[in-house]
Amino acid sequence: MPTLTAPIERVRESFLAAMAEFRAEGRGDRQDFSMIGSEIRAHADTWSSAEGFARFVAELRAQALPESPRPAGYVPSTTLWWVDGAEYLGRIAVRHRLTPSLLEFGGHIGYDVRPTARRRGHATAMLRAVRPVARELGIDPALLTCDVDNAVSRRVIERNGGVFEDQRGDKLRFWVPTG
């Protein structure tokens, strides 16, 4: 049964396979502003070595600490991976606070499910499992956004109690209770 866990080294082979799947669908190019896209651009060259992957895992874990260095405009965030044994299925991140840009377009929580694991309820289950984490961080409700044309993500958010607020540009904005 899949569970949320802090990033871990033991799923490296499955993680690499998942990143290859994301790349095959065009993720990681300069127009991909998602978490997965930025991680592919910044770290893909180092994932092939165990040491490089260990550094990546440590960096992800450190992003939750307020004192960790991060690029301008980035906030502390808790990244968790959705795994089943040694199988990496996806990731979800909780941003600890909102910047003006996150309030408009990004929200508190973002997630990705690897392409070969989609349409099995993983995104809905991940979001359900991370809501108490957000609550522990003092977030209630949490803002989630999705593209206007992403009906699957909209259903995931609504299945987790998301209440539609509005549309801003090509993003739909929802508030999801964390308690």
Protein backbone atom coordinates (compact mmCIF):
# COMPACT_ATOMS: atom_id res chain seq x y z
CA MET A 1 0.00 0.00 0.00
CA PRO A 2 1.45 3.41 -0.95
CA THR A 3 2.46 5.85 1.77
CA LEU A 4 3.88 9.33 2.08
CA THR A 5 7.51 9.48 3.12
CA ALA A 6 10.24 12.05 3.24
CA PRO A 7 12.49 11.69 0.17
CA ILE A 8 14.58 8.53 0.53
CA GLU A 9 17.56 7.09 -1.30
CA ARG A 10 16.25 3.51 -1.50
CA VAL A 11 13.80 4.36 -4.30
CA ARG A 12 16.51 5.81 -6.57
CA GLU A 13 16.12 3.32 -9.45
CA SER A 14 12.36 3.75 -9.56
CA PHE A 15 12.73 7.53 -9.22
CA LEU A 16 15.09 7.58 -12.22
CA ALA A 17 12.59 5.55 -14.25
CA ALA A 18 9.83 7.97 -13.26
CA MET A 19 11.92 10.97 -14.30
CA ALA A 20 12.53 9.31 -17.68
CA GLU A 21 8.75 8.96 -18.04
CA PHE A 22 8.27 12.65 -17.22
CA ARG A 23 10.96 13.63 -19.74
CA ALA A 24 9.30 11.47 -22.40
CA GLU A 25 6.15 13.57 -22.05
CA GLY A 26 8.17 16.77 -22.45
CA ARG A 27 8.75 17.72 -18.82
CA GLY A 28 11.91 19.54 -17.83
CA ASP A 29 12.18 21.95 -20.75
CA ARG A 30 12.51 25.70 -20.17
CA GLN A 31 8.74 26.23 -20.43
CA ASP A 32 8.02 23.68 -17.67
CA PHE A 33 7.70 25.72 -14.48
CA SER A 34 6.50 22.77 -12.39
CA MET A 35 8.40 21.30 -9.44
CA ILE A 36 9.32 18.24 -11.50
CA GLY A 37 10.47 20.42 -14.39
CA SER A 38 12.75 22.53 -12.23
CA GLU A 39 14.18 19.46 -10.50
CA ILE A 40 14.95 17.80 -13.83
CA ARG A 41 16.74 20.92 -15.07
CA ALA A 42 18.68 21.47 -11.85
CA HIS A 43 19.56 17.93 -10.78
CA ALA A 44 19.17 15.33 -13.55
CA ASP A 45 22.89 15.33 -14.31
CA THR A 46 23.70 14.26 -10.74
CA TRP A 47 21.00 11.62 -10.15
CA SER A 48 22.92 8.86 -11.94
CA SER A 49 25.44 8.53 -9.10
CA ALA A 50 24.40 7.32 -5.66
CA GLU A 51 26.26 10.24 -4.10
CA GLY A 52 24.57 12.80 -6.34
CA PHE A 53 21.16 11.33 -5.60
CA ALA A 54 21.90 11.36 -1.86
CA ARG A 55 22.76 15.07 -2.10
CA PHE A 56 19.50 15.71 -3.97
CA VAL A 57 17.49 13.87 -1.29
CA ALA A 58 19.25 15.85 1.46
CA GLU A 59 18.53 19.13 -0.36
CA LEU A 60 14.83 18.28 -0.69
CA ARG A 61 14.61 17.46 3.01
CA ALA A 62 16.43 20.68 3.93
CA GLN A 63 13.92 22.81 1.99
CA ALA A 64 11.51 22.40 4.91
CA LEU A 65 13.89 24.23 7.25
CA PRO A 66 13.35 28.00 7.43
CA GLU A 67 17.11 28.66 7.61
CA SER A 68 17.99 26.68 4.48
CA PRO A 69 19.22 28.75 1.56
CA ARG A 70 16.82 28.97 -1.36
CA PRO A 71 16.41 31.11 -4.47
CA ALA A 72 14.79 34.52 -4.13
CA GLY A 73 11.01 34.25 -4.03
CA TYR A 74 11.01 30.64 -2.81
CA VAL A 75 9.52 29.72 0.56
CA PRO A 76 10.19 26.77 2.86
CA SER A 77 8.41 23.67 1.59
CA THR A 78 7.94 20.12 2.80
CA THR A 79 8.37 17.61 -0.01
CA LEU A 80 7.02 14.10 0.45
CA TRP A 81 7.19 11.15 -1.91
CA TRP A 82 4.38 8.69 -2.55
CA VAL A 83 5.99 5.26 -2.54
CA ASP A 84 4.94 1.64 -2.48
CA GLY A 85 7.88 -0.39 -1.21
CA ALA A 86 10.77 0.59 -3.47
CA GLU A 87 8.43 2.02 -6.12
CA TYR A 88 8.36 5.80 -6.52
CA LEU A 89 4.84 6.80 -7.62
CA GLY A 90 4.82 10.57 -7.21
CA ARG A 91 5.55 13.60 -5.11
CA ILE A 92 3.67 16.27 -3.25
CA ALA A 93 4.98 19.46 -1.70
CA VAL A 94 3.48 21.80 0.87
CA ARG A 95 4.68 25.38 0.66
CA HIS A 96 4.73 26.76 4.20
CA ARG A 97 3.45 30.21 3.20
CA LEU A 98 2.29 32.08 0.14
CA THR A 99 4.10 34.78 -1.79
CA PRO A 100 2.01 37.07 -4.00
CA SER A 101 2.83 34.82 -6.98
CA LEU A 102 1.88 31.63 -5.12
CA LEU A 103 -1.35 33.28 -4.00
CA GLU A 104 -2.23 33.98 -7.62
CA PHE A 105 -1.00 30.89 -9.43
CA GLY A 106 0.86 28.29 -7.35
CA GLY A 107 -0.92 27.69 -4.07
CA HIS A 108 0.22 25.87 -0.96
CA ILE A 109 0.29 22.36 -2.40
CA GLY A 110 1.55 20.93 -5.67
CA TYR A 111 1.79 17.32 -6.77
CA ASP A 112 2.82 15.07 -9.64
CA VAL A 113 2.12 11.39 -10.30
CA ARG A 114 4.47 9.52 -12.60
CA PRO A 115 2.83 8.80 -15.97
CA THR A 116 2.67 5.00 -15.59
CA ALA A 117 0.94 5.33 -12.19
CA ARG A 118 -1.80 7.74 -13.25
CA ARG A 119 -5.54 7.04 -13.25
CA ARG A 120 -5.27 4.82 -10.15
CA GLY A 121 -6.31 7.33 -7.47
CA HIS A 122 -2.78 8.16 -6.32
CA ALA A 123 -3.16 11.95 -6.59
CA THR A 124 -6.40 11.90 -4.59
CA ALA A 125 -4.84 9.66 -1.93
CA MET A 126 -1.64 11.76 -1.77
CA LEU A 127 -3.59 14.96 -1.27
CA ARG A 128 -5.76 13.32 1.39
CA ALA A 129 -2.64 12.05 3.19
CA VAL A 130 -0.82 15.41 3.10
CA ARG A 131 -3.66 17.51 4.44
CA PRO A 132 -2.76 16.79 8.11
CA VAL A 133 0.85 17.77 7.33
CA ALA A 134 -0.38 21.13 6.06
CA ARG A 135 -2.55 21.51 9.15
CA GLU A 136 0.48 20.87 11.40
CA LEU A 137 2.24 23.69 9.54
CA GLY A 138 -0.62 26.04 10.46
CA ILE A 139 -2.23 26.01 7.03
CA ASP A 140 -6.04 25.78 7.01
CA PRO A 141 -7.43 25.96 4.46
CA ALA A 142 -4.80 25.28 1.81
CA LEU A 143 -4.86 26.95 -1.58
CA LEU A 144 -4.53 24.63 -4.57
CA THR A 145 -4.54 25.63 -8.21
CA CYS A 146 -4.82 23.74 -11.45
CA ASP A 147 -4.89 24.61 -15.12
CA VAL A 148 -8.32 25.43 -16.50
CA ASP A 149 -8.12 22.46 -18.88
CA ASN A 150 -6.92 19.93 -16.26
CA ALA A 151 -10.18 18.20 -15.38
CA VAL A 152 -8.37 15.34 -13.63
CA SER A 153 -6.59 17.65 -11.19
CA ARG A 154 -9.80 19.56 -10.59
CA ARG A 155 -11.53 16.29 -9.61
CA VAL A 156 -8.64 15.41 -7.26
CA ILE A 157 -8.99 18.77 -5.52
CA GLU A 158 -12.78 18.56 -5.33
CA ARG A 159 -12.65 14.99 -3.96
CA ASN A 160 -10.56 16.41 -1.13
CA GLY A 161 -13.17 19.02 -0.27
CA GLY A 162 -11.79 21.78 -2.47
CA VAL A 163 -14.09 24.77 -2.79
CA PHE A 164 -13.73 26.74 -6.02
CA GLU A 165 -12.90 30.41 -5.45
CA ASP A 166 -12.12 31.85 -8.87
CA GLN A 167 -10.17 31.72 -12.10
CA ARG A 168 -7.08 33.85 -12.58
CA GLY A 169 -5.60 33.67 -16.03
CA ASP A 170 -5.39 30.00 -16.99
CA LYS A 171 -5.52 28.81 -13.34
CA LEU A 172 -8.49 27.70 -11.26
CA ARG A 173 -8.12 28.39 -7.51
CA PHE A 174 -9.56 26.17 -4.76
CA TRP A 175 -9.43 26.19 -0.97
CA VAL A 176 -9.08 22.74 0.61
CA PRO A 177 -9.68 22.14 4.33
CA THR A 178 -6.74 20.53 6.10
CA GLY A 179 -8.53 19.48 9.26
